[in-house]
Amino acid sequence: MPTPGPLTGARVVVTRARAQASDLVARLTALGASVVELPVIAIEEPTDGGRALAAALDRAVAGSYEWLVVTSTNAVDRVVRALGGRTLPATTRWAVVGTSTARALGQHGIFPDLVPPTAVSDALVEVFPGPGPDPDGVAPGHGTGTGAVLFVRAERVRDVVVPGLVAKGWRVDEAVAYRTAAGEVGPTAVADARAADAVAFTSSSTVERTVELLGVTGVPPVIASIGPVTSASVRAAGLEVTVEAAEHTLDGLVAAVCVALSGGGPSAAPPPGGTAEAT
């Protein structure tokens, strides 16, 4: 008979987009949880069908940018698809937020030059070098002399990256790669979510849409957040964060759920990796 996991008997709501939920669902299920899938968001193409991204990447391939910044795996997927096998000049550097974004690039043979120690956009801005020679060696030899950065992003993002990089002396072009839309959720899933013990939030958009569907009083009593940006959205919705992940990844979120529901972490460490706090 299998040994009960730390989440045995607990019902946990996962609110990620359906195409992205499987990893988190598998981790929680392996620890004994009964998972309620509530795909409150869906990742869709931008309203222009990707034309702005395609044009921006044409410029990037031609060497117009010193840096290309992506802050989520969704952005990575769309950048790689729009590049269509083309490569950027060797002088163009990549900056990402989060280990999963870095890993997603690595799967395509692209290894980022800059990954901040904390998986939030604010940390990226803090460690991003200014134009010209880099005295701290963050990205030795970087620079094509254009003084320009391409930021590939979601339709809705916090206003952090662009003003932060502009303040450091960069000219920043933005290209919307995808948008977050409301997911299709049936009444059974809504009822099951309202009866659950806990909910695991991975982004601000999942918080906002969950509250729309369940109402403030319908959100499960235990709320686990992947990081400070998501936690701020929970509080803005009139709710309290029970536990925030110490590491802003799926690993950290799973550990946080375990702490909140069982008083301890998983009996075995989850697989390496995780998802940064950026949808």
C-alpha atoms as a PDB file:
ATOM      1  CA  MET A   1       0.000   0.000   0.000  1.00  0.00           C
ATOM      2  CA  PRO A   2       1.491   3.372  -1.009  1.00  0.00           C
ATOM      3  CA  THR A   3       2.643   5.693   1.743  1.00  0.00           C
ATOM      4  CA  PRO A   4       0.283   8.673   2.052  1.00  0.00           C
ATOM      5  CA  GLY A   5       1.800  11.908   0.791  1.00  0.00           C
ATOM      6  CA  PRO A   6       1.764  15.212   2.689  1.00  0.00           C
ATOM      7  CA  LEU A   7      -1.270  16.364   0.692  1.00  0.00           C
ATOM      8  CA  THR A   8      -3.322  13.175   0.976  1.00  0.00           C
ATOM      9  CA  GLY A   9      -6.986  14.041   1.368  1.00  0.00           C
ATOM     10  CA  ALA A  10      -6.537  17.701   0.411  1.00  0.00           C
ATOM     11  CA  ARG A  11      -8.385  19.261  -2.522  1.00  0.00           C
ATOM     12  CA  VAL A  12      -6.289  21.854  -4.347  1.00  0.00           C
ATOM     13  CA  VAL A  13      -7.429  24.111  -7.186  1.00  0.00           C
ATOM     14  CA  VAL A  14      -5.045  24.689 -10.105  1.00  0.00           C
ATOM     15  CA  THR A  15      -5.956  27.766 -12.137  1.00  0.00           C
ATOM     16  CA  ARG A  16      -3.388  27.726 -14.944  1.00  0.00           C
ATOM     17  CA  ALA A  17      -4.277  27.620 -18.630  1.00  0.00           C
ATOM     18  CA  ARG A  18      -5.241  24.083 -19.658  1.00  0.00           C
ATOM     19  CA  ALA A  19      -2.193  23.643 -21.895  1.00  0.00           C
ATOM     20  CA  GLN A  20       0.162  24.592 -19.053  1.00  0.00           C
ATOM     21  CA  ALA A  21      -1.451  22.950 -16.053  1.00  0.00           C
ATOM     22  CA  SER A  22      -0.218  19.367 -16.416  1.00  0.00           C
ATOM     23  CA  ASP A  23       3.131  19.847 -14.665  1.00  0.00           C
ATOM     24  CA  LEU A  24       1.639  21.448 -11.555  1.00  0.00           C
ATOM     25  CA  VAL A  25      -1.246  18.964 -11.501  1.00  0.00           C
ATOM     26  CA  ALA A  26       1.190  16.039 -11.676  1.00  0.00           C
ATOM     27  CA  ARG A  27       3.329  17.376  -8.831  1.00  0.00           C
ATOM     28  CA  LEU A  28       0.389  17.945  -6.512  1.00  0.00           C
ATOM     29  CA  THR A  29      -1.203  14.602  -7.381  1.00  0.00           C
ATOM     30  CA  ALA A  30       2.081  12.800  -6.680  1.00  0.00           C
ATOM     31  CA  LEU A  31       1.976  14.235  -3.166  1.00  0.00           C
ATOM     32  CA  GLY A  32      -1.528  12.898  -2.559  1.00  0.00           C
ATOM     33  CA  ALA A  33      -3.698  15.901  -3.455  1.00  0.00           C
ATOM     34  CA  SER A  34      -7.005  15.684  -5.240  1.00  0.00           C
ATOM     35  CA  VAL A  35      -6.657  18.374  -7.899  1.00  0.00           C
ATOM     36  CA  VAL A  36      -9.501  20.500  -9.208  1.00  0.00           C
ATOM     37  CA  GLU A  37      -8.550  21.878 -12.623  1.00  0.00           C
ATOM     38  CA  LEU A  38     -10.020  25.337 -13.123  1.00  0.00           C
ATOM     39  CA  PRO A  39      -8.426  26.725 -16.321  1.00  0.00           C
ATOM     40  CA  VAL A  40      -9.511  30.308 -15.756  1.00  0.00           C
ATOM     41  CA  ILE A  41      -7.252  31.720 -18.464  1.00  0.00           C
ATOM     42  CA  ALA A  42      -6.239  30.780 -21.995  1.00  0.00           C
ATOM     43  CA  ILE A  43      -3.170  31.942 -23.913  1.00  0.00           C
ATOM     44  CA  GLU A  44      -4.085  33.278 -27.351  1.00  0.00           C
ATOM     45  CA  GLU A  45      -2.516  35.083 -30.287  1.00  0.00           C
ATOM     46  CA  PRO A  46      -2.247  38.887 -30.085  1.00  0.00           C
ATOM     47  CA  THR A  47      -4.973  40.934 -31.724  1.00  0.00           C
ATOM     48  CA  ASP A  48      -2.721  41.784 -34.695  1.00  0.00           C
ATOM     49  CA  GLY A  49      -2.097  38.093 -35.390  1.00  0.00           C
ATOM     50  CA  GLY A  50       1.603  38.435 -34.593  1.00  0.00           C
ATOM     51  CA  ARG A  51       2.514  40.996 -37.261  1.00  0.00           C
ATOM     52  CA  ALA A  52       4.256  43.378 -34.854  1.00  0.00           C
ATOM     53  CA  LEU A  53       6.329  40.541 -33.400  1.00  0.00           C
ATOM     54  CA  ALA A  54       7.313  39.320 -36.861  1.00  0.00           C
ATOM     55  CA  ALA A  55       8.432  42.808 -37.888  1.00  0.00           C
ATOM     56  CA  ALA A  56      10.399  43.292 -34.667  1.00  0.00           C
ATOM     57  CA  LEU A  57      12.188  39.984 -35.097  1.00  0.00           C
ATOM     58  CA  ASP A  58      13.058  40.874 -38.685  1.00  0.00           C
ATOM     59  CA  ARG A  59      14.832  43.922 -37.232  1.00  0.00           C
ATOM     60  CA  ALA A  60      16.476  41.754 -34.567  1.00  0.00           C
ATOM     61  CA  VAL A  61      17.828  39.331 -37.172  1.00  0.00           C
ATOM     62  CA  ALA A  62      19.241  42.339 -39.048  1.00  0.00           C
ATOM     63  CA  GLY A  63      21.146  43.393 -35.909  1.00  0.00           C
ATOM     64  CA  SER A  64      19.026  46.290 -34.698  1.00  0.00           C
ATOM     65  CA  TYR A  65      19.057  45.274 -31.025  1.00  0.00           C
ATOM     66  CA  GLU A  66      21.747  44.732 -28.427  1.00  0.00           C
ATOM     67  CA  TRP A  67      19.395  42.750 -26.187  1.00  0.00           C
ATOM     68  CA  LEU A  68      16.237  40.699 -26.581  1.00  0.00           C
ATOM     69  CA  VAL A  69      14.230  40.421 -23.349  1.00  0.00           C
ATOM     70  CA  VAL A  70      11.609  37.723 -22.685  1.00  0.00           C
ATOM     71  CA  THR A  71       9.914  37.231 -19.329  1.00  0.00           C
ATOM     72  CA  SER A  72       7.849  34.046 -19.825  1.00  0.00           C
ATOM     73  CA  THR A  73       7.839  30.693 -21.563  1.00  0.00           C
ATOM     74  CA  ASN A  74       4.841  31.851 -23.595  1.00  0.00           C
ATOM     75  CA  ALA A  75       6.998  34.630 -25.063  1.00  0.00           C
ATOM     76  CA  VAL A  76       9.796  32.161 -25.787  1.00  0.00           C
ATOM     77  CA  ASP A  77       7.442  29.849 -27.687  1.00  0.00           C
ATOM     78  CA  ARG A  78       6.204  32.653 -29.910  1.00  0.00           C
ATOM     79  CA  VAL A  79       9.630  34.156 -30.514  1.00  0.00           C
ATOM     80  CA  VAL A  80      11.055  30.824 -31.634  1.00  0.00           C
ATOM     81  CA  ARG A  81       8.070  30.162 -33.872  1.00  0.00           C
ATOM     82  CA  ALA A  82       8.256  33.628 -35.455  1.00  0.00           C
ATOM     83  CA  LEU A  83      12.000  33.307 -36.046  1.00  0.00           C
ATOM     84  CA  GLY A  84      11.318  30.218 -38.138  1.00  0.00           C
ATOM     85  CA  GLY A  85      14.820  28.812 -37.791  1.00  0.00           C
ATOM     86  CA  ARG A  86      16.625  32.125 -38.242  1.00  0.00           C
ATOM     87  CA  THR A  87      19.228  33.166 -35.686  1.00  0.00           C
ATOM     88  CA  LEU A  88      20.123  36.511 -34.178  1.00  0.00           C
ATOM     89  CA  PRO A  89      23.591  38.010 -34.580  1.00  0.00           C
ATOM     90  CA  ALA A  90      26.179  36.705 -32.118  1.00  0.00           C
ATOM     91  CA  THR A  91      26.420  40.208 -30.652  1.00  0.00           C
ATOM     92  CA  THR A  92      22.749  40.197 -29.590  1.00  0.00           C
ATOM     93  CA  ARG A  93      22.265  39.104 -25.971  1.00  0.00           C
ATOM     94  CA  TRP A  94      19.255  37.431 -24.373  1.00  0.00           C
ATOM     95  CA  ALA A  95      17.803  38.317 -20.968  1.00  0.00           C
ATOM     96  CA  VAL A  96      15.045  36.316 -19.273  1.00  0.00           C
ATOM     97  CA  VAL A  97      13.063  36.142 -16.043  1.00  0.00           C
ATOM     98  CA  GLY A  98      12.934  32.753 -14.342  1.00  0.00           C
ATOM     99  CA  THR A  99      14.639  29.398 -14.647  1.00  0.00           C
ATOM    100  CA  SER A 100      11.820  27.923 -16.729  1.00  0.00           C
ATOM    101  CA  THR A 101      12.122  30.722 -19.292  1.00  0.00           C
ATOM    102  CA  ALA A 102      15.861  30.105 -19.461  1.00  0.00           C
ATOM    103  CA  ARG A 103      15.253  26.381 -19.832  1.00  0.00           C
ATOM    104  CA  ALA A 104      12.692  26.946 -22.592  1.00  0.00           C
ATOM    105  CA  LEU A 105      15.268  28.947 -24.542  1.00  0.00           C
ATOM    106  CA  GLY A 106      17.885  26.306 -23.896  1.00  0.00           C
ATOM    107  CA  GLN A 107      15.679  23.678 -25.498  1.00  0.00           C
ATOM    108  CA  HIS A 108      16.139  25.624 -28.735  1.00  0.00           C
ATOM    109  CA  GLY A 109      19.885  25.960 -28.346  1.00  0.00           C
ATOM    110  CA  ILE A 110      19.704  29.531 -27.017  1.00  0.00           C
ATOM    111  CA  PHE A 111      21.319  30.167 -23.659  1.00  0.00           C
ATOM    112  CA  PRO A 112      20.492  33.492 -21.987  1.00  0.00           C
ATOM    113  CA  ASP A 113      23.240  35.886 -20.999  1.00  0.00           C
ATOM    114  CA  LEU A 114      21.297  37.341 -18.083  1.00  0.00           C
ATOM    115  CA  VAL A 115      18.970  35.620 -15.598  1.00  0.00           C
ATOM    116  CA  PRO A 116      18.224  37.611 -12.422  1.00  0.00           C
ATOM    117  CA  PRO A 117      18.467  35.817  -9.069  1.00  0.00           C
ATOM    118  CA  THR A 118      14.756  36.375  -8.371  1.00  0.00           C
ATOM    119  CA  ALA A 119      12.066  35.442 -10.890  1.00  0.00           C
ATOM    120  CA  VAL A 120      10.370  38.839 -11.137  1.00  0.00           C
ATOM    121  CA  SER A 121      10.751  41.639 -13.677  1.00  0.00           C
ATOM    122  CA  ASP A 122      11.933  44.108 -11.026  1.00  0.00           C
ATOM    123  CA  ALA A 123      14.995  41.931 -10.391  1.00  0.00           C
ATOM    124  CA  LEU A 124      15.806  41.853 -14.099  1.00  0.00           C
ATOM    125  CA  VAL A 125      15.744  45.637 -14.300  1.00  0.00           C
ATOM    126  CA  GLU A 126      17.967  45.888 -11.232  1.00  0.00           C
ATOM    127  CA  VAL A 127      20.769  43.737 -12.672  1.00  0.00           C
ATOM    128  CA  PHE A 128      20.431  44.838 -16.302  1.00  0.00           C
ATOM    129  CA  PRO A 129      23.591  46.646 -17.471  1.00  0.00           C
ATOM    130  CA  GLY A 130      23.566  50.059 -19.073  1.00  0.00           C
ATOM    131  CA  PRO A 131      24.506  50.665 -22.721  1.00  0.00           C
ATOM    132  CA  GLY A 132      28.155  50.482 -23.690  1.00  0.00           C
ATOM    133  CA  PRO A 133      30.982  48.421 -22.178  1.00  0.00           C
ATOM    134  CA  ASP A 134      29.894  46.476 -19.113  1.00  0.00           C
ATOM    135  CA  PRO A 135      32.325  47.175 -16.233  1.00  0.00           C
ATOM    136  CA  ASP A 136      30.796  44.486 -14.019  1.00  0.00           C
ATOM    137  CA  GLY A 137      31.126  41.680 -16.532  1.00  0.00           C
ATOM    138  CA  VAL A 138      27.409  40.800 -16.477  1.00  0.00           C
ATOM    139  CA  ALA A 139      27.551  40.085 -20.189  1.00  0.00           C
ATOM    140  CA  PRO A 140      31.143  40.483 -21.368  1.00  0.00           C
ATOM    141  CA  GLY A 141      31.494  41.755 -24.909  1.00  0.00           C
ATOM    142  CA  HIS A 142      27.836  42.689 -25.229  1.00  0.00           C
ATOM    143  CA  GLY A 143      26.717  45.469 -27.475  1.00  0.00           C
ATOM    144  CA  THR A 144      26.273  46.266 -31.149  1.00  0.00           C
ATOM    145  CA  GLY A 145      26.285  49.980 -30.475  1.00  0.00           C
ATOM    146  CA  THR A 146      22.586  50.436 -31.268  1.00  0.00           C
ATOM    147  CA  GLY A 147      21.604  51.227 -27.687  1.00  0.00           C
ATOM    148  CA  ALA A 148      18.343  49.358 -28.326  1.00  0.00           C
ATOM    149  CA  VAL A 149      16.467  46.558 -26.563  1.00  0.00           C
ATOM    150  CA  LEU A 150      13.557  44.484 -27.865  1.00  0.00           C
ATOM    151  CA  PHE A 151      11.106  43.492 -25.136  1.00  0.00           C
ATOM    152  CA  VAL A 152       8.770  40.672 -26.210  1.00  0.00           C
ATOM    153  CA  ARG A 153       5.804  40.602 -23.873  1.00  0.00           C
ATOM    154  CA  ALA A 154       2.202  39.746 -23.151  1.00  0.00           C
ATOM    155  CA  GLU A 155      -0.557  42.178 -24.070  1.00  0.00           C
ATOM    156  CA  ARG A 156      -0.922  43.129 -20.398  1.00  0.00           C
ATOM    157  CA  VAL A 157       2.165  43.516 -18.232  1.00  0.00           C
ATOM    158  CA  ARG A 158       3.188  45.542 -15.213  1.00  0.00           C
ATOM    159  CA  ASP A 159       4.874  48.786 -16.216  1.00  0.00           C
ATOM    160  CA  VAL A 160       8.299  47.806 -14.903  1.00  0.00           C
ATOM    161  CA  VAL A 161      10.672  46.640 -17.631  1.00  0.00           C
ATOM    162  CA  VAL A 162      10.349  49.490 -20.117  1.00  0.00           C
ATOM    163  CA  PRO A 163      10.655  52.461 -17.707  1.00  0.00           C
ATOM    164  CA  GLY A 164      13.400  50.664 -15.808  1.00  0.00           C
ATOM    165  CA  LEU A 165      15.534  50.068 -18.909  1.00  0.00           C
ATOM    166  CA  VAL A 166      14.838  53.526 -20.318  1.00  0.00           C
ATOM    167  CA  ALA A 167      16.055  54.996 -17.021  1.00  0.00           C
ATOM    168  CA  LYS A 168      19.314  53.096 -17.539  1.00  0.00           C
ATOM    169  CA  GLY A 169      19.801  54.700 -20.943  1.00  0.00           C
ATOM    170  CA  TRP A 170      18.292  52.145 -23.325  1.00  0.00           C
ATOM    171  CA  ARG A 171      15.862  52.708 -26.170  1.00  0.00           C
ATOM    172  CA  VAL A 172      13.213  50.002 -25.826  1.00  0.00           C
ATOM    173  CA  ASP A 173      10.956  48.622 -28.551  1.00  0.00           C
ATOM    174  CA  GLU A 174       8.042  46.452 -27.456  1.00  0.00           C
ATOM    175  CA  ALA A 175       6.374  43.620 -29.349  1.00  0.00           C
ATOM    176  CA  VAL A 176       3.226  41.897 -28.082  1.00  0.00           C
ATOM    177  CA  ALA A 177       3.549  38.142 -28.570  1.00  0.00           C
ATOM    178  CA  TYR A 178       0.361  36.849 -26.938  1.00  0.00           C
ATOM    179  CA  ARG A 179      -2.608  37.794 -24.844  1.00  0.00           C
ATOM    180  CA  THR A 180      -4.351  36.249 -21.874  1.00  0.00           C
ATOM    181  CA  ALA A 181      -8.052  35.560 -22.404  1.00  0.00           C
ATOM    182  CA  ALA A 182     -10.740  34.041 -20.216  1.00  0.00           C
ATOM    183  CA  GLY A 183     -10.646  30.245 -20.207  1.00  0.00           C
ATOM    184  CA  GLU A 184     -13.671  28.018 -20.663  1.00  0.00           C
ATOM    185  CA  VAL A 185     -14.776  26.644 -17.298  1.00  0.00           C
ATOM    186  CA  GLY A 186     -17.845  24.464 -16.735  1.00  0.00           C
ATOM    187  CA  PRO A 187     -20.254  24.731 -13.789  1.00  0.00           C
ATOM    188  CA  THR A 188     -19.040  21.456 -12.279  1.00  0.00           C
ATOM    189  CA  ALA A 189     -15.471  22.738 -12.055  1.00  0.00           C
ATOM    190  CA  VAL A 190     -16.696  25.966 -10.465  1.00  0.00           C
ATOM    191  CA  ALA A 191     -18.685  24.055  -7.836  1.00  0.00           C
ATOM    192  CA  ASP A 192     -15.734  21.738  -7.126  1.00  0.00           C
ATOM    193  CA  ALA A 193     -13.383  24.708  -6.781  1.00  0.00           C
ATOM    194  CA  ARG A 194     -15.644  26.427  -4.267  1.00  0.00           C
ATOM    195  CA  ALA A 195     -15.605  23.260  -2.147  1.00  0.00           C
ATOM    196  CA  ALA A 196     -11.822  22.806  -2.281  1.00  0.00           C
ATOM    197  CA  ASP A 197      -9.373  23.284   0.583  1.00  0.00           C
ATOM    198  CA  ALA A 198      -6.787  25.417  -1.200  1.00  0.00           C
ATOM    199  CA  VAL A 199      -5.988  27.252  -4.414  1.00  0.00           C
ATOM    200  CA  ALA A 200      -2.564  27.674  -6.019  1.00  0.00           C
ATOM    201  CA  PHE A 201      -2.157  30.932  -7.926  1.00  0.00           C
ATOM    202  CA  THR A 202       0.614  31.317 -10.508  1.00  0.00           C
ATOM    203  CA  SER A 203      -0.091  34.819 -11.834  1.00  0.00           C
ATOM    204  CA  SER A 204      -2.158  37.952 -11.353  1.00  0.00           C
ATOM    205  CA  SER A 205      -4.390  37.059 -14.287  1.00  0.00           C
ATOM    206  CA  THR A 206      -5.370  33.761 -12.664  1.00  0.00           C
ATOM    207  CA  VAL A 207      -6.245  35.600  -9.450  1.00  0.00           C
ATOM    208  CA  GLU A 208      -8.451  38.139 -11.208  1.00  0.00           C
ATOM    209  CA  ARG A 209     -10.335  35.598 -13.305  1.00  0.00           C
ATOM    210  CA  THR A 210     -10.796  33.173 -10.377  1.00  0.00           C
ATOM    211  CA  VAL A 211     -12.397  35.881  -8.276  1.00  0.00           C
ATOM    212  CA  GLU A 212     -14.686  36.749 -11.201  1.00  0.00           C
ATOM    213  CA  LEU A 213     -15.818  33.123 -11.446  1.00  0.00           C
ATOM    214  CA  LEU A 214     -16.051  32.136  -7.784  1.00  0.00           C
ATOM    215  CA  GLY A 215     -16.652  35.448  -6.059  1.00  0.00           C
ATOM    216  CA  VAL A 216     -14.534  36.525  -3.099  1.00  0.00           C
ATOM    217  CA  THR A 217     -16.427  34.288  -0.699  1.00  0.00           C
ATOM    218  CA  GLY A 218     -16.132  31.303  -3.036  1.00  0.00           C
ATOM    219  CA  VAL A 219     -12.334  31.237  -3.161  1.00  0.00           C
ATOM    220  CA  PRO A 220     -10.923  28.339  -1.078  1.00  0.00           C
ATOM    221  CA  PRO A 221      -9.757  29.334   2.426  1.00  0.00           C
ATOM    222  CA  VAL A 222      -6.089  28.491   1.883  1.00  0.00           C
ATOM    223  CA  ILE A 223      -4.410  30.634  -0.785  1.00  0.00           C
ATOM    224  CA  ALA A 224      -0.904  29.818  -2.003  1.00  0.00           C
ATOM    225  CA  SER A 225       0.841  32.379  -4.204  1.00  0.00           C
ATOM    226  CA  ILE A 226       3.866  31.879  -6.434  1.00  0.00           C
ATOM    227  CA  GLY A 227       5.392  35.257  -5.615  1.00  0.00           C
ATOM    228  CA  PRO A 228       5.026  38.905  -4.571  1.00  0.00           C
ATOM    229  CA  VAL A 229       3.337  40.189  -7.731  1.00  0.00           C
ATOM    230  CA  THR A 230       0.664  37.503  -7.539  1.00  0.00           C
ATOM    231  CA  SER A 231       0.303  38.079  -3.793  1.00  0.00           C
ATOM    232  CA  ALA A 232      -0.338  41.774  -4.393  1.00  0.00           C
ATOM    233  CA  SER A 233      -3.170  40.847  -6.773  1.00  0.00           C
ATOM    234  CA  VAL A 234      -4.663  38.517  -4.164  1.00  0.00           C
ATOM    235  CA  ARG A 235      -4.729  41.337  -1.613  1.00  0.00           C
ATOM    236  CA  ALA A 236      -6.081  43.808  -4.173  1.00  0.00           C
ATOM    237  CA  ALA A 237      -9.005  41.413  -4.684  1.00  0.00           C
ATOM    238  CA  GLY A 238      -9.831  41.618  -0.969  1.00  0.00           C
ATOM    239  CA  LEU A 239      -8.319  38.266  -0.013  1.00  0.00           C
ATOM    240  CA  GLU A 240      -5.469  37.190   2.251  1.00  0.00           C
ATOM    241  CA  VAL A 241      -2.429  35.203   1.163  1.00  0.00           C
ATOM    242  CA  THR A 242      -1.973  32.157   3.379  1.00  0.00           C
ATOM    243  CA  VAL A 243       1.505  31.368   2.096  1.00  0.00           C
ATOM    244  CA  GLU A 244       3.825  32.780  -0.548  1.00  0.00           C
ATOM    245  CA  ALA A 245       6.428  30.602  -2.242  1.00  0.00           C
ATOM    246  CA  ALA A 246       9.946  31.332  -1.035  1.00  0.00           C
ATOM    247  CA  GLU A 247      11.215  30.397  -4.497  1.00  0.00           C
ATOM    248  CA  HIS A 248       9.010  31.872  -7.209  1.00  0.00           C
ATOM    249  CA  THR A 249       8.743  28.692  -9.270  1.00  0.00           C
ATOM    250  CA  LEU A 250       6.449  25.672  -9.441  1.00  0.00           C
ATOM    251  CA  ASP A 251       8.788  23.896  -7.020  1.00  0.00           C
ATOM    252  CA  GLY A 252       8.377  26.732  -4.561  1.00  0.00           C
ATOM    253  CA  LEU A 253       4.625  26.872  -5.032  1.00  0.00           C
ATOM    254  CA  VAL A 254       4.202  23.148  -4.401  1.00  0.00           C
ATOM    255  CA  ALA A 255       6.326  23.415  -1.256  1.00  0.00           C
ATOM    256  CA  ALA A 256       4.208  26.371  -0.114  1.00  0.00           C
ATOM    257  CA  VAL A 257       0.989  24.381  -0.581  1.00  0.00           C
ATOM    258  CA  CYS A 258       2.475  21.584   1.506  1.00  0.00           C
ATOM    259  CA  VAL A 259       3.443  23.991   4.272  1.00  0.00           C
ATOM    260  CA  ALA A 260      -0.019  25.533   4.334  1.00  0.00           C
ATOM    261  CA  LEU A 261      -1.956  22.257   4.313  1.00  0.00           C
ATOM    262  CA  SER A 262       0.278  19.809   6.148  1.00  0.00           C
ATOM    263  CA  GLY A 263       2.727  21.914   8.117  1.00  0.00           C
ATOM    264  CA  GLY A 264       5.726  20.606   6.194  1.00  0.00           C
ATOM    265  CA  GLY A 265       7.334  20.373   2.791  1.00  0.00           C
ATOM    266  CA  PRO A 266       7.078  17.479   0.328  1.00  0.00           C
ATOM    267  CA  SER A 267       8.639  14.228   1.436  1.00  0.00           C
ATOM    268  CA  ALA A 268      10.685  14.242  -1.752  1.00  0.00           C
ATOM    269  CA  ALA A 269      11.947  17.280  -3.607  1.00  0.00           C
ATOM    270  CA  PRO A 270      10.016  18.004  -6.809  1.00  0.00           C
ATOM    271  CA  PRO A 271      11.894  17.788 -10.111  1.00  0.00           C
ATOM    272  CA  PRO A 272      14.228  20.676 -10.908  1.00  0.00           C
ATOM    273  CA  GLY A 273      12.835  23.673 -12.735  1.00  0.00           C
ATOM    274  CA  GLY A 274       9.681  25.676 -12.340  1.00  0.00           C
ATOM    275  CA  THR A 275       7.787  28.558 -13.754  1.00  0.00           C
ATOM    276  CA  ALA A 276       8.602  32.177 -13.169  1.00  0.00           C
ATOM    277  CA  GLU A 277       6.019  34.610 -11.960  1.00  0.00           C
ATOM    278  CA  ALA A 278       5.172  35.955 -15.408  1.00  0.00           C
ATOM    279  CA  THR A 279       2.338  34.770 -17.524  1.00  0.00           C
END
